[in-house]
Every structure is written in structure tokens, then in C-alpha cells.
Amino acid sequence: METRFIADVMLGRLSKWLRVMGYDAYYQSHYKEGVLERFVGEGRRLLSRRAKLVEQYANAVWIKSDHVHEQLQELKAKMGLTTDRSKWFSRCLLCNVPLQKASSEASVESVPDYILHQEVPDIHSCPVCGRLYWPGSHRTRMTLQLKEWGF
């Protein structure tokens, strides 16, 4: 079973990078009462910067660093976080849902012309928010960053 996370309000950037790596990382900037309990009860691992909160849940991980690359290293050391590069860039960075192959119509309407003229074959979309993703310079920079961090 694949590890799924729920991150507290102080770990938005970490959540984004976990999504880049293909992990299901649920995050909100504010949680209503009972939401953390429900998601942890459904099998998600809580990631938190608050030691007192971590003490309340089995399998929760206390993240000490303020810097995302150090936070990822903490997860690697504390729980053996690994990465499967075939899953990189497979989730929406905003909605956290798996991406789908984009339709030709959506691509033509929303993707810049210069991308379409390059005949980029790998355009995906989020089924929730409709955001489109393709392998461009931003993705290249993120890939290089992950490799620099040891992933």
C-alpha cells in the first residue's frame, strides 16, 4: 500500500514537493475540527511541525526544519521515504489528484502555441481544476532540484 500523507498548515511547500514526487499529500491552509483525526483514521500519515500534535497520533512524523529540502531529508531518514521517478509529475500540484491525459481540444484551447508547435506528446490535465501540465522548463528545473536534493 502506498504511503499517503496529511500535512499540517505549516507544511504547504513540503506537500507540493511530495506531490511533484507522485505522493498523495493532502494539505489545506486551515483544517476544521476533526479533519486531521478523520484523515489519520483513514490511514494517512500526519506530517507536522508541532511536536505536541505529533504526540497525539501513531505514525505521525515531526518535521523540525523550515526548509523543504531538509524536510524531505528528514522524511527519508525517519521513514525511509523513497521515490519512483516514473511517478514524478503525476499529480495536480493544487488539487492532489492524479493527472489524466489531456484531450486534444483542451490542449489547443489552453496550451501556448509554441508548445503545440513543438508537438509535446505529454500534456496532462487535472480532472478537478482543469489545470494543464506538460514537460517544459519549469518541470526541468524541478527535476534538477530533486536530483540535487538526492532523489
N, C-alpha and C. Protein backbone atom coordinates (compact mmCIF):
# COMPACT_ATOMS: atom_id res chain seq x y z
N MET A 1 0.84 -1.18 0.00
CA MET A 1 0.00 0.00 0.00
C MET A 1 0.89 1.25 0.00
N GLU A 2 0.57 2.18 -0.84
CA GLU A 2 1.35 3.40 -0.98
C GLU A 2 1.11 4.36 0.19
N THR A 3 2.17 4.99 0.64
CA THR A 3 2.07 5.95 1.73
C THR A 3 1.32 7.18 1.28
N ARG A 4 0.33 7.57 2.09
CA ARG A 4 -0.43 8.80 1.85
C ARG A 4 -0.23 9.70 3.05
N PHE A 5 -0.16 10.99 2.79
CA PHE A 5 0.13 11.95 3.84
C PHE A 5 -1.01 12.94 4.04
N ILE A 6 -1.04 13.52 5.24
CA ILE A 6 -1.80 14.73 5.51
C ILE A 6 -0.83 15.65 6.24
N ALA A 7 -0.66 16.84 5.71
CA ALA A 7 0.32 17.78 6.26
C ALA A 7 -0.41 18.90 7.00
N ASP A 8 0.17 19.32 8.12
CA ASP A 8 -0.45 20.41 8.86
C ASP A 8 -0.25 21.74 8.14
N VAL A 9 -0.81 22.79 8.68
CA VAL A 9 -0.88 24.08 8.00
C VAL A 9 0.49 24.71 7.75
N MET A 10 1.52 24.23 8.41
CA MET A 10 2.85 24.81 8.23
C MET A 10 3.69 24.10 7.18
N LEU A 11 3.11 23.15 6.47
CA LEU A 11 3.90 22.33 5.55
C LEU A 11 3.36 22.33 4.12
N GLY A 12 2.91 23.48 3.66
CA GLY A 12 2.39 23.59 2.30
C GLY A 12 3.43 23.34 1.23
N ARG A 13 4.62 23.89 1.39
CA ARG A 13 5.67 23.68 0.37
C ARG A 13 6.10 22.22 0.34
N LEU A 14 6.24 21.60 1.50
CA LEU A 14 6.59 20.18 1.54
C LEU A 14 5.53 19.36 0.83
N SER A 15 4.27 19.68 1.06
CA SER A 15 3.17 18.96 0.39
C SER A 15 3.30 19.06 -1.12
N LYS A 16 3.60 20.26 -1.61
CA LYS A 16 3.75 20.46 -3.05
C LYS A 16 4.86 19.58 -3.61
N TRP A 17 6.00 19.54 -2.93
CA TRP A 17 7.12 18.74 -3.43
C TRP A 17 6.83 17.24 -3.33
N LEU A 18 6.09 16.82 -2.30
CA LEU A 18 5.69 15.41 -2.23
C LEU A 18 4.78 15.07 -3.41
N ARG A 19 3.90 16.00 -3.79
CA ARG A 19 3.04 15.80 -4.96
C ARG A 19 3.86 15.72 -6.23
N VAL A 20 4.87 16.58 -6.35
CA VAL A 20 5.77 16.54 -7.51
C VAL A 20 6.37 15.14 -7.63
N MET A 21 6.70 14.53 -6.49
CA MET A 21 7.31 13.21 -6.47
C MET A 21 6.28 12.09 -6.64
N GLY A 22 5.00 12.45 -6.77
CA GLY A 22 3.97 11.45 -7.02
C GLY A 22 3.23 10.97 -5.78
N TYR A 23 3.53 11.54 -4.62
CA TYR A 23 2.84 11.13 -3.40
C TYR A 23 1.50 11.83 -3.24
N ASP A 24 0.56 11.11 -2.66
CA ASP A 24 -0.74 11.67 -2.28
C ASP A 24 -0.49 12.44 -0.97
N ALA A 25 -0.45 13.76 -1.07
CA ALA A 25 -0.14 14.61 0.08
C ALA A 25 -1.26 15.65 0.25
N TYR A 26 -2.20 15.33 1.12
CA TYR A 26 -3.33 16.23 1.36
C TYR A 26 -2.86 17.40 2.22
N TYR A 27 -3.28 18.60 1.81
CA TYR A 27 -2.89 19.81 2.55
C TYR A 27 -3.96 20.87 2.40
N GLN A 28 -4.23 21.56 3.48
CA GLN A 28 -5.07 22.74 3.47
C GLN A 28 -4.40 23.79 4.35
N SER A 29 -4.66 25.05 4.07
CA SER A 29 -4.08 26.12 4.89
C SER A 29 -4.84 26.28 6.21
N HIS A 30 -5.97 25.61 6.33
CA HIS A 30 -6.75 25.63 7.56
C HIS A 30 -7.57 24.35 7.62
N TYR A 31 -7.59 23.71 8.79
CA TYR A 31 -8.38 22.49 8.97
C TYR A 31 -9.48 22.74 10.00
N LYS A 32 -10.68 22.32 9.66
CA LYS A 32 -11.78 22.37 10.63
C LYS A 32 -11.55 21.26 11.66
N GLU A 33 -12.15 21.43 12.80
CA GLU A 33 -12.00 20.44 13.86
C GLU A 33 -12.44 19.06 13.38
N GLY A 34 -11.64 18.06 13.68
CA GLY A 34 -11.95 16.69 13.34
C GLY A 34 -11.40 16.20 12.01
N VAL A 35 -10.94 17.12 11.16
CA VAL A 35 -10.46 16.72 9.83
C VAL A 35 -9.17 15.90 9.94
N LEU A 36 -8.21 16.37 10.73
CA LEU A 36 -6.96 15.61 10.89
C LEU A 36 -7.24 14.21 11.41
N GLU A 37 -8.10 14.12 12.42
CA GLU A 37 -8.44 12.82 13.01
C GLU A 37 -9.04 11.88 11.96
N ARG A 38 -9.93 12.43 11.15
CA ARG A 38 -10.58 11.61 10.12
C ARG A 38 -9.57 11.09 9.11
N PHE A 39 -8.69 11.96 8.61
CA PHE A 39 -7.73 11.54 7.61
C PHE A 39 -6.69 10.58 8.17
N VAL A 40 -6.24 10.82 9.40
CA VAL A 40 -5.30 9.88 10.03
C VAL A 40 -6.00 8.54 10.24
N GLY A 41 -7.27 8.59 10.62
CA GLY A 41 -8.05 7.36 10.80
C GLY A 41 -8.22 6.58 9.51
N GLU A 42 -8.15 7.28 8.37
CA GLU A 42 -8.25 6.63 7.06
C GLU A 42 -6.91 6.12 6.56
N GLY A 43 -5.86 6.24 7.38
CA GLY A 43 -4.57 5.67 7.03
C GLY A 43 -3.52 6.63 6.54
N ARG A 44 -3.78 7.92 6.57
CA ARG A 44 -2.76 8.89 6.17
C ARG A 44 -1.78 9.12 7.31
N ARG A 45 -0.53 9.38 6.95
CA ARG A 45 0.49 9.72 7.95
C ARG A 45 0.51 11.23 8.12
N LEU A 46 0.37 11.67 9.35
CA LEU A 46 0.40 13.08 9.66
C LEU A 46 1.83 13.58 9.65
N LEU A 47 2.05 14.69 8.96
CA LEU A 47 3.32 15.40 8.97
C LEU A 47 3.05 16.74 9.65
N SER A 48 3.84 17.06 10.67
CA SER A 48 3.58 18.29 11.41
C SER A 48 4.86 18.91 11.92
N ARG A 49 4.83 20.23 12.04
CA ARG A 49 5.94 20.98 12.64
C ARG A 49 5.71 21.14 14.14
N ARG A 50 4.57 20.68 14.64
CA ARG A 50 4.23 20.83 16.06
C ARG A 50 4.40 19.51 16.80
N ALA A 51 5.37 19.47 17.71
CA ALA A 51 5.68 18.24 18.45
C ALA A 51 4.47 17.75 19.26
N LYS A 52 3.73 18.65 19.87
CA LYS A 52 2.58 18.25 20.68
C LYS A 52 1.50 17.59 19.83
N LEU A 53 1.32 18.05 18.62
CA LEU A 53 0.33 17.44 17.73
C LEU A 53 0.79 16.04 17.32
N VAL A 54 2.06 15.88 17.01
CA VAL A 54 2.60 14.59 16.59
C VAL A 54 2.43 13.54 17.69
N GLU A 55 2.55 13.97 18.95
CA GLU A 55 2.40 13.03 20.08
C GLU A 55 1.01 12.42 20.16
N GLN A 56 0.03 13.06 19.54
CA GLN A 56 -1.35 12.59 19.63
C GLN A 56 -1.68 11.47 18.65
N TYR A 57 -0.81 11.23 17.66
CA TYR A 57 -1.13 10.27 16.60
C TYR A 57 -0.01 9.27 16.39
N ALA A 58 -0.40 8.00 16.27
CA ALA A 58 0.57 6.96 15.93
C ALA A 58 1.03 7.19 14.50
N ASN A 59 2.27 6.91 14.21
CA ASN A 59 2.86 7.05 12.87
C ASN A 59 2.99 8.47 12.38
N ALA A 60 2.72 9.46 13.21
CA ALA A 60 2.91 10.85 12.80
C ALA A 60 4.41 11.15 12.77
N VAL A 61 4.79 12.10 11.92
CA VAL A 61 6.20 12.45 11.77
C VAL A 61 6.38 13.93 12.11
N TRP A 62 7.26 14.18 13.06
CA TRP A 62 7.57 15.55 13.46
C TRP A 62 8.65 16.08 12.53
N ILE A 63 8.34 17.15 11.84
CA ILE A 63 9.26 17.79 10.91
C ILE A 63 9.87 18.99 11.61
N LYS A 64 11.16 18.99 11.76
CA LYS A 64 11.83 20.06 12.53
C LYS A 64 12.28 21.23 11.68
N SER A 65 12.69 20.99 10.47
CA SER A 65 13.29 22.03 9.63
C SER A 65 12.24 22.96 9.01
N ASP A 66 12.69 24.17 8.70
CA ASP A 66 11.87 25.15 7.98
C ASP A 66 12.09 25.06 6.47
N HIS A 67 13.10 24.33 6.02
CA HIS A 67 13.49 24.30 4.62
C HIS A 67 13.06 22.98 3.96
N VAL A 68 12.41 23.10 2.81
CA VAL A 68 11.79 21.93 2.19
C VAL A 68 12.80 20.83 1.86
N HIS A 69 13.99 21.17 1.41
CA HIS A 69 14.95 20.10 1.09
C HIS A 69 15.38 19.36 2.35
N GLU A 70 15.49 20.07 3.46
CA GLU A 70 15.82 19.42 4.73
C GLU A 70 14.63 18.61 5.24
N GLN A 71 13.42 19.09 5.00
CA GLN A 71 12.22 18.36 5.39
C GLN A 71 12.13 17.03 4.65
N LEU A 72 12.45 17.05 3.36
CA LEU A 72 12.46 15.80 2.59
C LEU A 72 13.53 14.85 3.10
N GLN A 73 14.68 15.39 3.48
CA GLN A 73 15.74 14.55 4.04
C GLN A 73 15.30 13.95 5.38
N GLU A 74 14.55 14.73 6.18
CA GLU A 74 14.01 14.20 7.44
C GLU A 74 13.09 13.02 7.17
N LEU A 75 12.23 13.16 6.17
CA LEU A 75 11.32 12.06 5.83
C LEU A 75 12.09 10.84 5.34
N LYS A 76 13.14 11.08 4.60
CA LYS A 76 13.99 9.98 4.12
C LYS A 76 14.60 9.24 5.31
N ALA A 77 15.12 10.01 6.28
CA ALA A 77 15.78 9.41 7.45
C ALA A 77 14.79 8.76 8.42
N LYS A 78 13.67 9.41 8.66
CA LYS A 78 12.74 8.94 9.68
C LYS A 78 11.82 7.82 9.22
N MET A 79 11.48 7.81 7.93
CA MET A 79 10.52 6.79 7.48
C MET A 79 10.94 6.09 6.20
N GLY A 80 12.17 6.36 5.76
CA GLY A 80 12.65 5.69 4.56
C GLY A 80 11.98 6.15 3.29
N LEU A 81 11.61 7.43 3.22
CA LEU A 81 10.97 7.98 2.02
C LEU A 81 11.83 7.67 0.80
N THR A 82 11.21 7.06 -0.18
CA THR A 82 11.89 6.74 -1.44
C THR A 82 11.13 7.43 -2.56
N THR A 83 11.66 7.33 -3.74
CA THR A 83 10.99 7.95 -4.87
C THR A 83 11.05 7.03 -6.07
N ASP A 84 9.97 7.05 -6.81
CA ASP A 84 9.87 6.31 -8.06
C ASP A 84 9.73 7.37 -9.15
N ARG A 85 10.79 7.59 -9.90
CA ARG A 85 10.79 8.67 -10.90
C ARG A 85 9.70 8.52 -11.95
N SER A 86 9.20 7.33 -12.14
CA SER A 86 8.10 7.16 -13.10
C SER A 86 6.80 7.80 -12.59
N LYS A 87 6.74 8.10 -11.30
CA LYS A 87 5.54 8.73 -10.72
C LYS A 87 5.68 10.24 -10.58
N TRP A 88 6.87 10.76 -10.85
CA TRP A 88 7.06 12.20 -10.75
C TRP A 88 6.10 12.91 -11.71
N PHE A 89 5.57 14.02 -11.27
CA PHE A 89 4.69 14.87 -12.08
C PHE A 89 3.41 14.14 -12.51
N SER A 90 2.91 13.28 -11.66
CA SER A 90 1.70 12.53 -11.97
C SER A 90 0.47 13.02 -11.22
N ARG A 91 0.64 14.03 -10.33
CA ARG A 91 -0.47 14.55 -9.54
C ARG A 91 -0.60 16.05 -9.76
N CYS A 92 -1.81 16.57 -9.60
CA CYS A 92 -2.02 18.01 -9.67
C CYS A 92 -1.37 18.65 -8.44
N LEU A 93 -0.59 19.67 -8.67
CA LEU A 93 0.10 20.33 -7.57
C LEU A 93 -0.86 21.14 -6.70
N LEU A 94 -2.03 21.46 -7.23
CA LEU A 94 -3.03 22.21 -6.47
C LEU A 94 -4.06 21.30 -5.80
N CYS A 95 -4.59 20.36 -6.55
CA CYS A 95 -5.71 19.53 -6.08
C CYS A 95 -5.29 18.19 -5.49
N ASN A 96 -4.09 17.75 -5.77
CA ASN A 96 -3.56 16.49 -5.25
C ASN A 96 -4.19 15.25 -5.90
N VAL A 97 -4.84 15.38 -7.01
CA VAL A 97 -5.45 14.22 -7.66
C VAL A 97 -4.57 13.77 -8.83
N PRO A 98 -4.65 12.48 -9.19
CA PRO A 98 -3.86 12.01 -10.33
C PRO A 98 -4.26 12.72 -11.61
N LEU A 99 -3.26 13.05 -12.42
CA LEU A 99 -3.49 13.71 -13.70
C LEU A 99 -3.96 12.71 -14.74
N GLN A 100 -4.64 13.22 -15.76
CA GLN A 100 -5.11 12.41 -16.87
C GLN A 100 -4.55 12.98 -18.16
N LYS A 101 -4.47 12.14 -19.17
CA LYS A 101 -4.05 12.61 -20.50
C LYS A 101 -5.04 13.68 -20.95
N ALA A 102 -4.51 14.82 -21.37
CA ALA A 102 -5.37 15.93 -21.79
C ALA A 102 -5.97 15.66 -23.16
N SER A 103 -7.18 16.11 -23.35
CA SER A 103 -7.82 15.98 -24.65
C SER A 103 -7.17 16.94 -25.63
N SER A 104 -7.24 16.62 -26.90
CA SER A 104 -6.69 17.50 -27.94
C SER A 104 -7.34 18.86 -27.91
N GLU A 105 -8.66 18.88 -27.68
CA GLU A 105 -9.39 20.15 -27.65
C GLU A 105 -8.90 21.04 -26.52
N ALA A 106 -8.75 20.47 -25.32
CA ALA A 106 -8.30 21.26 -24.17
C ALA A 106 -6.89 21.78 -24.41
N SER A 107 -6.05 20.96 -25.02
CA SER A 107 -4.67 21.37 -25.29
C SER A 107 -4.63 22.54 -26.25
N VAL A 108 -5.40 22.45 -27.33
CA VAL A 108 -5.40 23.51 -28.35
C VAL A 108 -5.92 24.81 -27.76
N GLU A 109 -6.93 24.73 -26.90
CA GLU A 109 -7.54 25.94 -26.33
C GLU A 109 -6.67 26.60 -25.27
N SER A 110 -5.89 25.83 -24.51
CA SER A 110 -5.24 26.37 -23.32
C SER A 110 -3.71 26.36 -23.32
N VAL A 111 -3.11 25.56 -24.16
CA VAL A 111 -1.65 25.46 -24.17
C VAL A 111 -1.09 26.51 -25.13
N PRO A 112 -0.01 27.18 -24.74
CA PRO A 112 0.58 28.18 -25.64
C PRO A 112 0.94 27.57 -27.00
N ASP A 113 0.80 28.38 -28.03
CA ASP A 113 1.06 27.90 -29.40
C ASP A 113 2.46 27.33 -29.56
N TYR A 114 3.46 27.98 -28.95
CA TYR A 114 4.83 27.49 -29.13
C TYR A 114 5.01 26.08 -28.57
N ILE A 115 4.23 25.71 -27.56
CA ILE A 115 4.29 24.34 -27.03
C ILE A 115 3.65 23.38 -28.03
N LEU A 116 2.51 23.77 -28.58
CA LEU A 116 1.84 22.91 -29.56
C LEU A 116 2.70 22.72 -30.80
N HIS A 117 3.42 23.77 -31.22
CA HIS A 117 4.28 23.66 -32.40
C HIS A 117 5.48 22.74 -32.16
N GLN A 118 5.84 22.57 -30.89
CA GLN A 118 6.92 21.64 -30.55
C GLN A 118 6.42 20.20 -30.53
N GLU A 119 5.11 20.03 -30.70
CA GLU A 119 4.47 18.72 -30.69
C GLU A 119 4.80 17.93 -29.43
N VAL A 120 4.60 18.58 -28.28
CA VAL A 120 4.82 17.95 -26.98
C VAL A 120 3.76 16.86 -26.80
N PRO A 121 4.17 15.59 -26.68
CA PRO A 121 3.21 14.50 -26.62
C PRO A 121 2.62 14.26 -25.23
N ASP A 122 3.22 14.86 -24.22
CA ASP A 122 2.91 14.51 -22.84
C ASP A 122 2.17 15.63 -22.11
N ILE A 123 0.98 16.00 -22.59
CA ILE A 123 0.19 17.04 -21.95
C ILE A 123 -0.90 16.36 -21.13
N HIS A 124 -0.93 16.70 -19.84
CA HIS A 124 -1.91 16.11 -18.92
C HIS A 124 -2.74 17.22 -18.30
N SER A 125 -3.89 16.82 -17.76
CA SER A 125 -4.77 17.80 -17.11
C SER A 125 -5.29 17.25 -15.80
N CYS A 126 -5.66 18.18 -14.93
CA CYS A 126 -6.28 17.82 -13.66
C CYS A 126 -7.78 17.67 -13.90
N PRO A 127 -8.37 16.53 -13.52
CA PRO A 127 -9.80 16.35 -13.72
C PRO A 127 -10.65 17.21 -12.80
N VAL A 128 -10.05 17.80 -11.77
CA VAL A 128 -10.80 18.63 -10.83
C VAL A 128 -10.75 20.11 -11.22
N CYS A 129 -9.53 20.66 -11.34
CA CYS A 129 -9.41 22.10 -11.60
C CYS A 129 -9.18 22.43 -13.08
N GLY A 130 -8.82 21.43 -13.90
CA GLY A 130 -8.60 21.66 -15.31
C GLY A 130 -7.23 22.19 -15.68
N ARG A 131 -6.36 22.39 -14.70
CA ARG A 131 -5.02 22.89 -14.97
C ARG A 131 -4.27 21.91 -15.87
N LEU A 132 -3.52 22.46 -16.82
CA LEU A 132 -2.75 21.63 -17.75
C LEU A 132 -1.28 21.58 -17.36
N TYR A 133 -0.66 20.44 -17.59
CA TYR A 133 0.75 20.22 -17.28
C TYR A 133 1.43 19.61 -18.49
N TRP A 134 2.66 20.06 -18.77
CA TRP A 134 3.46 19.48 -19.84
C TRP A 134 4.93 19.61 -19.46
N PRO A 135 5.78 18.79 -20.07
CA PRO A 135 7.21 18.83 -19.74
C PRO A 135 7.89 20.05 -20.36
N GLY A 136 8.00 21.10 -19.59
CA GLY A 136 8.65 22.33 -20.05
C GLY A 136 9.81 22.69 -19.14
N SER A 137 10.23 23.93 -19.21
CA SER A 137 11.40 24.37 -18.45
C SER A 137 11.15 24.32 -16.94
N HIS A 138 9.94 24.60 -16.50
CA HIS A 138 9.63 24.56 -15.07
C HIS A 138 9.81 23.13 -14.54
N ARG A 139 9.33 22.17 -15.30
CA ARG A 139 9.47 20.76 -14.91
C ARG A 139 10.94 20.36 -14.90
N THR A 140 11.69 20.84 -15.87
CA THR A 140 13.13 20.54 -15.94
C THR A 140 13.84 21.07 -14.70
N ARG A 141 13.51 22.30 -14.30
CA ARG A 141 14.13 22.89 -13.10
C ARG A 141 13.76 22.10 -11.84
N MET A 142 12.51 21.67 -11.75
CA MET A 142 12.08 20.89 -10.59
C MET A 142 12.78 19.54 -10.54
N THR A 143 12.94 18.91 -11.70
CA THR A 143 13.64 17.63 -11.77
C THR A 143 15.09 17.80 -11.32
N LEU A 144 15.75 18.83 -11.81
CA LEU A 144 17.13 19.09 -11.40
C LEU A 144 17.22 19.36 -9.91
N GLN A 145 16.24 20.08 -9.36
CA GLN A 145 16.22 20.37 -7.92
C GLN A 145 16.10 19.08 -7.11
N LEU A 146 15.20 18.20 -7.52
CA LEU A 146 15.04 16.92 -6.80
C LEU A 146 16.32 16.08 -6.86
N LYS A 147 16.96 16.07 -8.01
CA LYS A 147 18.20 15.30 -8.15
C LYS A 147 19.30 15.93 -7.28
N GLU A 148 19.34 17.25 -7.21
CA GLU A 148 20.32 17.94 -6.35
C GLU A 148 20.08 17.59 -4.89
N TRP A 149 18.83 17.40 -4.51
CA TRP A 149 18.48 17.03 -3.14
C TRP A 149 18.66 15.54 -2.86
N GLY A 150 19.07 14.78 -3.86
CA GLY A 150 19.37 13.36 -3.66
C GLY A 150 18.23 12.41 -3.98
N PHE A 151 17.30 12.84 -4.80
CA PHE A 151 16.16 11.96 -5.14
C PHE A 151 16.18 11.62 -6.59
